[in-house]
Amino acid sequence: MGRRSKALIGVGAVTLVFVSASLAWAAIAAAPVKVLGGRGSQMLPAATPGGGVLSWTLIRSGQVDAFLRSSGGPKIQLNRRGLGWNGNISGTEAIYQQVVRNQSNIYIYDTGTQTRHQPPGVNTAGWEFYPRIDANNVLFGRSGRNHSWRVLLADTSGLTTTLLEKHTGRPVRQLTPGGVAGDWATWARYAPRTHHGTVVLYQISTQLASVLAVPRGKVQYASTVDHAGDLFYVRSGAGTCGRGVTIREAISGGGGDVPLARIPRGYDIGVMNVVDEGPGDGVTIYFDRVNCNSGFYDSYKIVVN
């Protein structure tokens, strides 16, 4: 599987088993289309509805920067210094991770005021990473000493931060935030020693976390979620890069689990972000695709109706 970035469910958990609604490839998804390529790695893509504003991370010549660009507008560098890792966009706010020396913090860039600020209740002396934003909700990870990994959800309007899951010590379990939308959040779990990994869907209003069952010999990761609670994720062969990689959708309310796109052999996916296009217009999934041999990334999108 692809790159994995450094990154106790406090409420009841259930195992979520989705029954496949179809053995055929879902006809509701268009073929992936490249949106960013060229020299270096173009990764961690996100956008606004319609793709009018695009954000991503560019790695070139040892420099890592997060950028934002409006249609026909200039490219804006989000991180003012250090390294910049993109998150996603909600309304006029683009969230990203900035690493300066040995400190990693989360920042928000407002496209309307062209100002940057730290979201309240998020940054500490720990290592904050993989931020996602939807309105007042900020989903992010925090790691620290003794192989400590946490997934947290901050409500910036009420200045409350909720611990969604944590793991400390060995064997290591990496916890990677995936996405937040409306009443839903998702993240991934991965155990490097066993190569076992799957994704979690969390409903904010009920505080109920559901774990997606994993077929034997497979691993699941790179999850994201839309406002309807539909879960999008990647499934591939465990312990490998670029074998049997598919983008899938677990439809909310027991609507089935369907494959959307197959990724060519030798390529894998690091991160996905889903954008709701509005009533009746479906969603667009933005994702980065890595060449397992070269390690370079390009960014793509698929439209799901």
C-alpha atoms as a PDB file:
ATOM      1  CA  MET A   1       0.000   0.000   0.000  1.00  0.00           C
ATOM      2  CA  GLY A   2       1.062   3.621  -0.355  1.00  0.00           C
ATOM      3  CA  ARG A   3       2.758   6.176   1.849  1.00  0.00           C
ATOM      4  CA  ARG A   4       1.679   6.329   5.461  1.00  0.00           C
ATOM      5  CA  SER A   5       2.313   9.656   7.181  1.00  0.00           C
ATOM      6  CA  LYS A   6       3.316  10.147  10.848  1.00  0.00           C
ATOM      7  CA  ALA A   7       0.536  10.721  12.651  1.00  0.00           C
ATOM      8  CA  LEU A   8      -9.725   4.313  22.558  1.00  0.00           C
ATOM      9  CA  ILE A   9     -12.659   5.046  21.087  1.00  0.00           C
ATOM     10  CA  GLY A  10     -14.220   6.807  24.084  1.00  0.00           C
ATOM     11  CA  VAL A  11     -17.662   5.494  23.266  1.00  0.00           C
ATOM     12  CA  GLY A  12     -19.232   2.214  22.246  1.00  0.00           C
ATOM     13  CA  ALA A  13     -17.983   0.645  19.031  1.00  0.00           C
ATOM     14  CA  VAL A  14     -19.552  -1.837  16.700  1.00  0.00           C
ATOM     15  CA  THR A  15     -18.194  -3.733  13.766  1.00  0.00           C
ATOM     16  CA  LEU A  16     -19.618  -2.424  10.529  1.00  0.00           C
ATOM     17  CA  VAL A  17     -20.144  -5.079   7.891  1.00  0.00           C
ATOM     18  CA  PHE A  18     -21.319  -3.897   4.500  1.00  0.00           C
ATOM     19  CA  VAL A  19     -22.826  -6.441   2.138  1.00  0.00           C
ATOM     20  CA  SER A  20     -21.799  -5.856  -1.442  1.00  0.00           C
ATOM     21  CA  ALA A  21     -24.705  -4.613  -3.493  1.00  0.00           C
ATOM     22  CA  SER A  22     -23.054  -5.574  -6.772  1.00  0.00           C
ATOM     23  CA  LEU A  23     -20.192  -7.721  -8.013  1.00  0.00           C
ATOM     24  CA  ALA A  24     -19.756  -5.455 -11.014  1.00  0.00           C
ATOM     25  CA  TRP A  25     -17.875  -2.191 -11.092  1.00  0.00           C
ATOM     26  CA  ALA A  26     -20.149   0.670 -10.148  1.00  0.00           C
ATOM     27  CA  ALA A  27     -21.371   2.404 -13.280  1.00  0.00           C
ATOM     28  CA  ILE A  28     -21.983   5.539 -11.242  1.00  0.00           C
ATOM     29  CA  ALA A  29     -18.294   6.497 -11.176  1.00  0.00           C
ATOM     30  CA  ALA A  30     -16.474   8.091 -14.102  1.00  0.00           C
ATOM     31  CA  ALA A  31     -12.887   7.153 -14.965  1.00  0.00           C
ATOM     32  CA  PRO A  32     -10.183   8.937 -12.941  1.00  0.00           C
ATOM     33  CA  VAL A  33      -8.902  12.181 -14.488  1.00  0.00           C
ATOM     34  CA  LYS A  34      -5.480  13.679 -13.734  1.00  0.00           C
ATOM     35  CA  VAL A  35      -5.691  17.169 -12.210  1.00  0.00           C
ATOM     36  CA  LEU A  36      -2.049  17.729 -11.185  1.00  0.00           C
ATOM     37  CA  GLY A  37       1.173  16.319 -12.599  1.00  0.00           C
ATOM     38  CA  GLY A  38       4.598  17.288 -13.845  1.00  0.00           C
ATOM     39  CA  ARG A  39       7.918  17.617 -12.069  1.00  0.00           C
ATOM     40  CA  GLY A  40       8.174  16.441  -8.483  1.00  0.00           C
ATOM     41  CA  SER A  41       5.249  15.030  -6.502  1.00  0.00           C
ATOM     42  CA  GLN A  42       1.800  16.631  -6.620  1.00  0.00           C
ATOM     43  CA  MET A  43      -0.086  15.163  -3.678  1.00  0.00           C
ATOM     44  CA  LEU A  44      -2.795  15.614  -1.004  1.00  0.00           C
ATOM     45  CA  PRO A  45      -5.275  17.272  -3.409  1.00  0.00           C
ATOM     46  CA  ALA A  46      -8.516  18.915  -2.288  1.00  0.00           C
ATOM     47  CA  ALA A  47     -10.985  21.338  -3.832  1.00  0.00           C
ATOM     48  CA  THR A  48     -14.191  23.311  -3.465  1.00  0.00           C
ATOM     49  CA  PRO A  49     -17.427  22.232  -5.236  1.00  0.00           C
ATOM     50  CA  GLY A  50     -16.966  22.491  -8.972  1.00  0.00           C
ATOM     51  CA  GLY A  51     -13.202  22.577  -8.571  1.00  0.00           C
ATOM     52  CA  GLY A  52     -13.090  26.366  -8.538  1.00  0.00           C
ATOM     53  CA  VAL A  53     -10.424  26.358  -5.848  1.00  0.00           C
ATOM     54  CA  LEU A  54      -7.773  23.644  -5.647  1.00  0.00           C
ATOM     55  CA  SER A  55      -5.262  22.982  -2.852  1.00  0.00           C
ATOM     56  CA  TRP A  56      -2.399  20.479  -2.749  1.00  0.00           C
ATOM     57  CA  THR A  57       1.182  19.807  -1.677  1.00  0.00           C
ATOM     58  CA  LEU A  58       4.123  19.991  -4.062  1.00  0.00           C
ATOM     59  CA  ILE A  59       7.393  18.207  -3.297  1.00  0.00           C
ATOM     60  CA  ARG A  60      10.231  19.290  -5.554  1.00  0.00           C
ATOM     61  CA  SER A  61      13.996  19.522  -5.069  1.00  0.00           C
ATOM     62  CA  GLY A  62      13.683  18.674  -1.374  1.00  0.00           C
ATOM     63  CA  GLN A  63      11.148  21.426  -0.667  1.00  0.00           C
ATOM     64  CA  VAL A  64       7.645  20.611   0.595  1.00  0.00           C
ATOM     65  CA  ASP A  65       5.017  23.348   0.217  1.00  0.00           C
ATOM     66  CA  ALA A  66       1.222  23.543   0.348  1.00  0.00           C
ATOM     67  CA  PHE A  67      -0.501  25.633  -2.326  1.00  0.00           C
ATOM     68  CA  LEU A  68      -3.925  26.982  -3.179  1.00  0.00           C
ATOM     69  CA  ARG A  69      -5.119  28.216  -6.552  1.00  0.00           C
ATOM     70  CA  SER A  70      -8.422  29.663  -7.756  1.00  0.00           C
ATOM     71  CA  SER A  71      -9.512  29.174 -11.345  1.00  0.00           C
ATOM     72  CA  GLY A  72      -7.537  31.666 -13.406  1.00  0.00           C
ATOM     73  CA  GLY A  73      -5.871  33.075 -10.300  1.00  0.00           C
ATOM     74  CA  PRO A  74      -2.293  33.025  -9.009  1.00  0.00           C
ATOM     75  CA  LYS A  75      -0.868  30.161  -6.971  1.00  0.00           C
ATOM     76  CA  ILE A  76      -0.744  31.000  -3.244  1.00  0.00           C
ATOM     77  CA  GLN A  77       1.721  29.289  -0.908  1.00  0.00           C
ATOM     78  CA  LEU A  78      -0.088  28.389   2.300  1.00  0.00           C
ATOM     79  CA  ASN A  79       2.877  27.639   4.590  1.00  0.00           C
ATOM     80  CA  ARG A  80       4.859  30.817   5.137  1.00  0.00           C
ATOM     81  CA  ARG A  81       7.934  28.846   6.184  1.00  0.00           C
ATOM     82  CA  GLY A  82       9.058  25.317   6.831  1.00  0.00           C
ATOM     83  CA  LEU A  83       7.189  22.410   5.242  1.00  0.00           C
ATOM     84  CA  GLY A  84       3.562  22.533   4.149  1.00  0.00           C
ATOM     85  CA  TRP A  85       1.201  19.557   4.015  1.00  0.00           C
ATOM     86  CA  ASN A  86      -2.253  20.197   2.587  1.00  0.00           C
ATOM     87  CA  GLY A  87      -5.519  19.317   4.331  1.00  0.00           C
ATOM     88  CA  ASN A  88      -8.739  20.338   2.587  1.00  0.00           C
ATOM     89  CA  ILE A  89     -11.086  23.286   1.980  1.00  0.00           C
ATOM     90  CA  SER A  90     -14.397  24.235   3.611  1.00  0.00           C
ATOM     91  CA  GLY A  91     -16.077  27.388   2.356  1.00  0.00           C
ATOM     92  CA  THR A  92     -13.400  30.090   2.357  1.00  0.00           C
ATOM     93  CA  GLU A  93     -11.100  28.204   4.750  1.00  0.00           C
ATOM     94  CA  ALA A  94      -8.183  26.036   3.623  1.00  0.00           C
ATOM     95  CA  ILE A  95      -6.578  23.989   6.398  1.00  0.00           C
ATOM     96  CA  TYR A  96      -3.002  22.732   6.325  1.00  0.00           C
ATOM     97  CA  GLN A  97      -0.120  21.419   8.428  1.00  0.00           C
ATOM     98  CA  GLN A  98       3.050  23.494   8.808  1.00  0.00           C
ATOM     99  CA  VAL A  99       6.284  21.962  10.105  1.00  0.00           C
ATOM    100  CA  VAL A 100       9.039  24.306  11.283  1.00  0.00           C
ATOM    101  CA  ARG A 101      12.141  22.663  12.715  1.00  0.00           C
ATOM    102  CA  ASN A 102      10.736  19.926  14.970  1.00  0.00           C
ATOM    103  CA  GLN A 103       7.318  21.491  15.573  1.00  0.00           C
ATOM    104  CA  SER A 104       4.191  20.632  13.594  1.00  0.00           C
ATOM    105  CA  ASN A 105       1.068  22.789  13.887  1.00  0.00           C
ATOM    106  CA  ILE A 106      -2.237  23.280  12.088  1.00  0.00           C
ATOM    107  CA  TYR A 107      -3.182  26.535  10.356  1.00  0.00           C
ATOM    108  CA  ILE A 108      -6.153  27.869   8.416  1.00  0.00           C
ATOM    109  CA  TYR A 109      -5.892  30.227   5.454  1.00  0.00           C
ATOM    110  CA  ASP A 110      -9.000  32.324   4.726  1.00  0.00           C
ATOM    111  CA  THR A 111      -9.382  33.000   1.008  1.00  0.00           C
ATOM    112  CA  GLY A 112     -11.707  35.925   1.691  1.00  0.00           C
ATOM    113  CA  THR A 113      -9.502  37.895   4.091  1.00  0.00           C
ATOM    114  CA  GLN A 114      -6.216  36.360   2.861  1.00  0.00           C
ATOM    115  CA  THR A 115      -5.148  35.859   6.474  1.00  0.00           C
ATOM    116  CA  ARG A 116      -3.824  32.857   8.423  1.00  0.00           C
ATOM    117  CA  HIS A 117      -4.658  31.740  11.937  1.00  0.00           C
ATOM    118  CA  GLN A 118      -4.366  28.727  14.221  1.00  0.00           C
ATOM    119  CA  PRO A 119      -7.689  27.016  14.951  1.00  0.00           C
ATOM    120  CA  PRO A 120      -8.483  27.203  18.691  1.00  0.00           C
ATOM    121  CA  GLY A 121      -8.147  24.048  20.754  1.00  0.00           C
ATOM    122  CA  VAL A 122      -5.864  22.265  18.291  1.00  0.00           C
ATOM    123  CA  ASN A 123      -2.139  23.025  18.541  1.00  0.00           C
ATOM    124  CA  THR A 124       0.083  21.866  21.415  1.00  0.00           C
ATOM    125  CA  ALA A 125       3.721  20.943  21.946  1.00  0.00           C
ATOM    126  CA  GLY A 126       2.863  17.591  20.332  1.00  0.00           C
ATOM    127  CA  TRP A 127       2.907  16.761  16.630  1.00  0.00           C
ATOM    128  CA  GLU A 128      -0.401  17.751  15.038  1.00  0.00           C
ATOM    129  CA  PHE A 129      -0.974  16.371  11.558  1.00  0.00           C
ATOM    130  CA  TYR A 130      -3.436  15.442   8.777  1.00  0.00           C
ATOM    131  CA  PRO A 131      -6.037  18.178   9.418  1.00  0.00           C
ATOM    132  CA  ARG A 132      -9.497  18.160   7.842  1.00  0.00           C
ATOM    133  CA  ILE A 133     -12.121  20.881   8.214  1.00  0.00           C
ATOM    134  CA  ASP A 134     -15.881  21.151   7.737  1.00  0.00           C
ATOM    135  CA  ALA A 135     -17.500  24.370   8.979  1.00  0.00           C
ATOM    136  CA  ASN A 136     -16.611  24.572  12.711  1.00  0.00           C
ATOM    137  CA  ASN A 137     -15.322  21.007  12.969  1.00  0.00           C
ATOM    138  CA  VAL A 138     -11.609  20.269  12.670  1.00  0.00           C
ATOM    139  CA  LEU A 139     -10.485  16.639  12.567  1.00  0.00           C
ATOM    140  CA  PHE A 140      -6.775  16.083  13.170  1.00  0.00           C
ATOM    141  CA  GLY A 141      -4.143  13.732  14.518  1.00  0.00           C
ATOM    142  CA  ARG A 142      -1.629  14.154  17.313  1.00  0.00           C
ATOM    143  CA  SER A 143       1.401  11.978  17.991  1.00  0.00           C
ATOM    144  CA  GLY A 144       3.990  12.084  20.744  1.00  0.00           C
ATOM    145  CA  ARG A 145       6.288  10.045  22.918  1.00  0.00           C
ATOM    146  CA  ASN A 146       6.074   6.293  23.452  1.00  0.00           C
ATOM    147  CA  HIS A 147       4.466   5.759  20.042  1.00  0.00           C
ATOM    148  CA  SER A 148       1.411   7.754  21.038  1.00  0.00           C
ATOM    149  CA  TRP A 149      -1.229   8.298  18.340  1.00  0.00           C
ATOM    150  CA  ARG A 150      -4.516  10.164  18.741  1.00  0.00           C
ATOM    151  CA  VAL A 151      -7.409  11.226  16.536  1.00  0.00           C
ATOM    152  CA  LEU A 152      -9.265  14.293  17.803  1.00  0.00           C
ATOM    153  CA  LEU A 153     -12.237  16.413  16.771  1.00  0.00           C
ATOM    154  CA  ALA A 154     -12.267  20.111  17.688  1.00  0.00           C
ATOM    155  CA  ASP A 155     -15.417  22.230  17.630  1.00  0.00           C
ATOM    156  CA  THR A 156     -13.912  25.676  17.101  1.00  0.00           C
ATOM    157  CA  SER A 157     -17.215  27.424  17.844  1.00  0.00           C
ATOM    158  CA  GLY A 158     -17.537  25.946  21.326  1.00  0.00           C
ATOM    159  CA  LEU A 159     -13.825  25.471  22.008  1.00  0.00           C
ATOM    160  CA  THR A 160     -14.302  21.792  22.796  1.00  0.00           C
ATOM    161  CA  THR A 161     -11.978  19.005  21.674  1.00  0.00           C
ATOM    162  CA  THR A 162     -13.076  15.351  21.726  1.00  0.00           C
ATOM    163  CA  LEU A 163     -10.713  12.383  21.743  1.00  0.00           C
ATOM    164  CA  LEU A 164     -12.032   9.865  19.227  1.00  0.00           C
ATOM    165  CA  GLU A 165      -9.355   7.181  19.455  1.00  0.00           C
ATOM    166  CA  LYS A 166      -5.894   6.746  20.952  1.00  0.00           C
ATOM    167  CA  HIS A 167      -3.126   4.165  21.040  1.00  0.00           C
ATOM    168  CA  THR A 168       0.148   4.226  22.974  1.00  0.00           C
ATOM    169  CA  GLY A 169       3.131   1.871  23.052  1.00  0.00           C
ATOM    170  CA  ARG A 170       3.955  -1.318  21.193  1.00  0.00           C
ATOM    171  CA  PRO A 171       2.863  -2.958  19.037  1.00  0.00           C
ATOM    172  CA  VAL A 172       2.469   0.312  17.176  1.00  0.00           C
ATOM    173  CA  ARG A 173      -0.944   1.216  15.788  1.00  0.00           C
ATOM    174  CA  GLN A 174      -0.910   4.253  13.514  1.00  0.00           C
ATOM    175  CA  LEU A 175      -4.074   6.361  13.512  1.00  0.00           C
ATOM    176  CA  THR A 176      -4.563   8.615  10.495  1.00  0.00           C
ATOM    177  CA  PRO A 177      -7.413  11.151  10.176  1.00  0.00           C
ATOM    178  CA  GLY A 178      -9.414  10.807   6.973  1.00  0.00           C
ATOM    179  CA  GLY A 179     -12.255  13.290   6.700  1.00  0.00           C
ATOM    180  CA  VAL A 180     -15.088  15.146   8.411  1.00  0.00           C
ATOM    181  CA  ALA A 181     -18.409  16.200   6.859  1.00  0.00           C
ATOM    182  CA  GLY A 182     -21.572  17.244   8.655  1.00  0.00           C
ATOM    183  CA  ASP A 183     -22.395  14.614  11.295  1.00  0.00           C
ATOM    184  CA  TRP A 184     -19.637  12.225  10.192  1.00  0.00           C
ATOM    185  CA  ALA A 185     -15.909  11.676  10.596  1.00  0.00           C
ATOM    186  CA  THR A 186     -13.554   8.898   9.538  1.00  0.00           C
ATOM    187  CA  TRP A 187     -10.008   7.754  10.148  1.00  0.00           C
ATOM    188  CA  ALA A 188      -7.730   4.786   9.461  1.00  0.00           C
ATOM    189  CA  ARG A 189      -5.931   2.302  11.700  1.00  0.00           C
ATOM    190  CA  TYR A 190      -2.760   0.541  10.582  1.00  0.00           C
ATOM    191  CA  ALA A 191      -0.433  -1.916  12.379  1.00  0.00           C
ATOM    192  CA  PRO A 192       2.991  -1.907  10.627  1.00  0.00           C
ATOM    193  CA  ARG A 193       4.073  -5.208  12.195  1.00  0.00           C
ATOM    194  CA  THR A 194       1.119  -7.231  10.891  1.00  0.00           C
ATOM    195  CA  HIS A 195       0.175  -5.008   7.918  1.00  0.00           C
ATOM    196  CA  HIS A 196      -3.398  -5.080   9.195  1.00  0.00           C
ATOM    197  CA  GLY A 197      -5.397  -1.935   8.607  1.00  0.00           C
ATOM    198  CA  THR A 198      -8.941  -0.743   8.234  1.00  0.00           C
ATOM    199  CA  VAL A 199     -11.071   2.380   8.539  1.00  0.00           C
ATOM    200  CA  VAL A 200     -13.509   3.731  11.122  1.00  0.00           C
ATOM    201  CA  LEU A 201     -16.736   5.664  10.550  1.00  0.00           C
ATOM    202  CA  TYR A 202     -17.879   7.898  13.418  1.00  0.00           C
ATOM    203  CA  GLN A 203     -21.211   9.654  13.879  1.00  0.00           C
ATOM    204  CA  ILE A 204     -20.699  12.862  15.845  1.00  0.00           C
ATOM    205  CA  SER A 205     -24.248  13.244  17.201  1.00  0.00           C
ATOM    206  CA  THR A 206     -24.486   9.689  18.578  1.00  0.00           C
ATOM    207  CA  GLN A 207     -20.774   9.233  19.397  1.00  0.00           C
ATOM    208  CA  LEU A 208     -20.954   5.823  17.747  1.00  0.00           C
ATOM    209  CA  ALA A 209     -17.843   4.480  16.000  1.00  0.00           C
ATOM    210  CA  SER A 210     -18.153   1.637  13.477  1.00  0.00           C
ATOM    211  CA  VAL A 211     -15.214  -0.394  12.183  1.00  0.00           C
ATOM    212  CA  LEU A 212     -15.285  -1.605   8.587  1.00  0.00           C
ATOM    213  CA  ALA A 213     -14.669  -5.361   8.345  1.00  0.00           C
ATOM    214  CA  VAL A 214     -11.602  -6.388   6.307  1.00  0.00           C
ATOM    215  CA  PRO A 215     -11.550  -9.341   3.895  1.00  0.00           C
ATOM    216  CA  ARG A 216      -8.750 -11.848   4.490  1.00  0.00           C
ATOM    217  CA  GLY A 217      -5.447 -10.777   2.955  1.00  0.00           C
ATOM    218  CA  LYS A 218      -6.616  -7.197   2.373  1.00  0.00           C
ATOM    219  CA  VAL A 219      -5.969  -3.818   3.985  1.00  0.00           C
ATOM    220  CA  GLN A 220      -8.195  -0.707   3.964  1.00  0.00           C
ATOM    221  CA  TYR A 221      -7.068   2.922   4.256  1.00  0.00           C
ATOM    222  CA  ALA A 222      -7.283   6.491   2.862  1.00  0.00           C
ATOM    223  CA  SER A 223     -10.874   6.957   4.023  1.00  0.00           C
ATOM    224  CA  THR A 224     -13.032  10.029   3.555  1.00  0.00           C
ATOM    225  CA  VAL A 225     -16.756  10.708   4.069  1.00  0.00           C
ATOM    226  CA  ASP A 226     -19.487  12.900   2.607  1.00  0.00           C
ATOM    227  CA  HIS A 227     -22.350  14.728   4.347  1.00  0.00           C
ATOM    228  CA  ALA A 228     -24.724  11.796   3.782  1.00  0.00           C
ATOM    229  CA  GLY A 229     -22.424   9.474   5.711  1.00  0.00           C
ATOM    230  CA  ASP A 230     -21.251   7.566   2.631  1.00  0.00           C
ATOM    231  CA  LEU A 231     -17.761   6.218   3.321  1.00  0.00           C
ATOM    232  CA  PHE A 232     -15.111   6.206   0.580  1.00  0.00           C
ATOM    233  CA  TYR A 233     -11.936   4.223   1.089  1.00  0.00           C
ATOM    234  CA  VAL A 234      -9.157   2.221  -0.588  1.00  0.00           C
ATOM    235  CA  ARG A 235      -8.728  -1.551  -0.423  1.00  0.00           C
ATOM    236  CA  SER A 236      -5.602  -3.391  -1.588  1.00  0.00           C
ATOM    237  CA  GLY A 237      -3.451  -6.435  -0.933  1.00  0.00           C
ATOM    238  CA  ALA A 238      -1.915  -6.392   2.545  1.00  0.00           C
ATOM    239  CA  GLY A 239       1.813  -5.739   2.827  1.00  0.00           C
ATOM    240  CA  THR A 240       2.256  -4.707  -0.807  1.00  0.00           C
ATOM    241  CA  CYS A 241       2.288  -1.532  -2.864  1.00  0.00           C
ATOM    242  CA  GLY A 242       0.215  -1.361  -5.991  1.00  0.00           C
ATOM    243  CA  ARG A 243      -1.549  -4.719  -6.011  1.00  0.00           C
ATOM    244  CA  GLY A 244      -5.315  -5.002  -6.203  1.00  0.00           C
ATOM    245  CA  VAL A 245      -5.833  -1.329  -5.368  1.00  0.00           C
ATOM    246  CA  THR A 246      -9.460  -0.204  -5.636  1.00  0.00           C
ATOM    247  CA  ILE A 247     -11.434   2.828  -4.543  1.00  0.00           C
ATOM    248  CA  ARG A 248     -14.685   1.745  -2.897  1.00  0.00           C
ATOM    249  CA  GLU A 249     -17.847   3.277  -1.462  1.00  0.00           C
ATOM    250  CA  ALA A 250     -19.701   1.951   1.575  1.00  0.00           C
ATOM    251  CA  ILE A 251     -23.125   3.498   1.188  1.00  0.00           C
ATOM    252  CA  SER A 252     -24.794   4.736   4.372  1.00  0.00           C
ATOM    253  CA  GLY A 253     -27.796   2.978   5.846  1.00  0.00           C
ATOM    254  CA  GLY A 254     -26.724  -0.470   4.673  1.00  0.00           C
ATOM    255  CA  GLY A 255     -26.918   0.510   1.003  1.00  0.00           C
ATOM    256  CA  GLY A 256     -24.058  -1.778   0.041  1.00  0.00           C
ATOM    257  CA  ASP A 257     -20.313  -1.656  -0.570  1.00  0.00           C
ATOM    258  CA  VAL A 258     -19.348  -1.112  -4.209  1.00  0.00           C
ATOM    259  CA  PRO A 259     -16.067  -0.706  -6.132  1.00  0.00           C
ATOM    260  CA  LEU A 260     -15.724   2.626  -7.926  1.00  0.00           C
ATOM    261  CA  ALA A 261     -12.339   2.500  -9.659  1.00  0.00           C
ATOM    262  CA  ARG A 262      -9.423   0.115 -10.078  1.00  0.00           C
ATOM    263  CA  ILE A 263      -5.928   1.616  -9.875  1.00  0.00           C
ATOM    264  CA  PRO A 264      -3.345   0.195 -12.334  1.00  0.00           C
ATOM    265  CA  ARG A 265      -0.894  -2.372 -10.974  1.00  0.00           C
ATOM    266  CA  GLY A 266       2.248  -0.724  -9.617  1.00  0.00           C
ATOM    267  CA  TYR A 267       0.381   2.338  -8.351  1.00  0.00           C
ATOM    268  CA  ASP A 268      -1.211   3.066  -4.984  1.00  0.00           C
ATOM    269  CA  ILE A 269      -3.073   5.829  -3.149  1.00  0.00           C
ATOM    270  CA  GLY A 270      -2.016   7.915  -0.164  1.00  0.00           C
ATOM    271  CA  VAL A 271      -4.935  10.243   0.612  1.00  0.00           C
ATOM    272  CA  MET A 272      -8.463  10.960  -0.611  1.00  0.00           C
ATOM    273  CA  ASN A 273     -10.732  13.982  -0.107  1.00  0.00           C
ATOM    274  CA  VAL A 274     -14.396  13.981  -1.133  1.00  0.00           C
ATOM    275  CA  VAL A 275     -16.300  17.099  -2.214  1.00  0.00           C
ATOM    276  CA  ASP A 276     -20.102  17.308  -2.164  1.00  0.00           C
ATOM    277  CA  GLU A 277     -21.158  18.908  -5.447  1.00  0.00           C
ATOM    278  CA  GLY A 278     -24.684  19.779  -4.310  1.00  0.00           C
ATOM    279  CA  PRO A 279     -28.151  18.173  -4.457  1.00  0.00           C
ATOM    280  CA  GLY A 280     -28.408  15.797  -7.395  1.00  0.00           C
ATOM    281  CA  ASP A 281     -24.859  16.403  -8.564  1.00  0.00           C
ATOM    282  CA  GLY A 282     -23.071  13.644  -6.650  1.00  0.00           C
ATOM    283  CA  VAL A 283     -19.569  13.955  -5.259  1.00  0.00           C
ATOM    284  CA  THR A 284     -16.038  14.324  -6.559  1.00  0.00           C
ATOM    285  CA  ILE A 285     -13.196  12.353  -4.983  1.00  0.00           C
ATOM    286  CA  TYR A 286      -9.718  13.878  -5.182  1.00  0.00           C
ATOM    287  CA  PHE A 287      -6.804  11.519  -4.538  1.00  0.00           C
ATOM    288  CA  ASP A 288      -3.059  11.224  -4.983  1.00  0.00           C
ATOM    289  CA  ARG A 289      -1.595   8.273  -6.893  1.00  0.00           C
ATOM    290  CA  VAL A 290       1.950   7.114  -6.189  1.00  0.00           C
ATOM    291  CA  ASN A 291       4.216   5.184  -8.524  1.00  0.00           C
ATOM    292  CA  CYS A 292       5.432   2.314  -6.322  1.00  0.00           C
ATOM    293  CA  ASN A 293       8.787   2.173  -8.151  1.00  0.00           C
ATOM    294  CA  SER A 294       9.708   5.864  -8.352  1.00  0.00           C
ATOM    295  CA  GLY A 295       7.842   7.117  -5.275  1.00  0.00           C
ATOM    296  CA  PHE A 296       6.478  10.132  -7.175  1.00  0.00           C
ATOM    297  CA  TYR A 297       2.855  11.262  -6.879  1.00  0.00           C
ATOM    298  CA  ASP A 298       0.327  12.784  -9.266  1.00  0.00           C
ATOM    299  CA  SER A 299      -3.179  13.887  -8.325  1.00  0.00           C
ATOM    300  CA  TYR A 300      -6.482  12.704  -9.790  1.00  0.00           C
ATOM    301  CA  LYS A 301     -10.225  13.010  -9.359  1.00  0.00           C
ATOM    302  CA  ILE A 302     -13.241  10.820 -10.053  1.00  0.00           C
ATOM    303  CA  VAL A 303     -16.878  11.906 -10.240  1.00  0.00           C
ATOM    304  CA  VAL A 304     -19.465   9.729  -8.490  1.00  0.00           C
ATOM    305  CA  ASN A 305     -23.121  10.374  -9.383  1.00  0.00           C
END
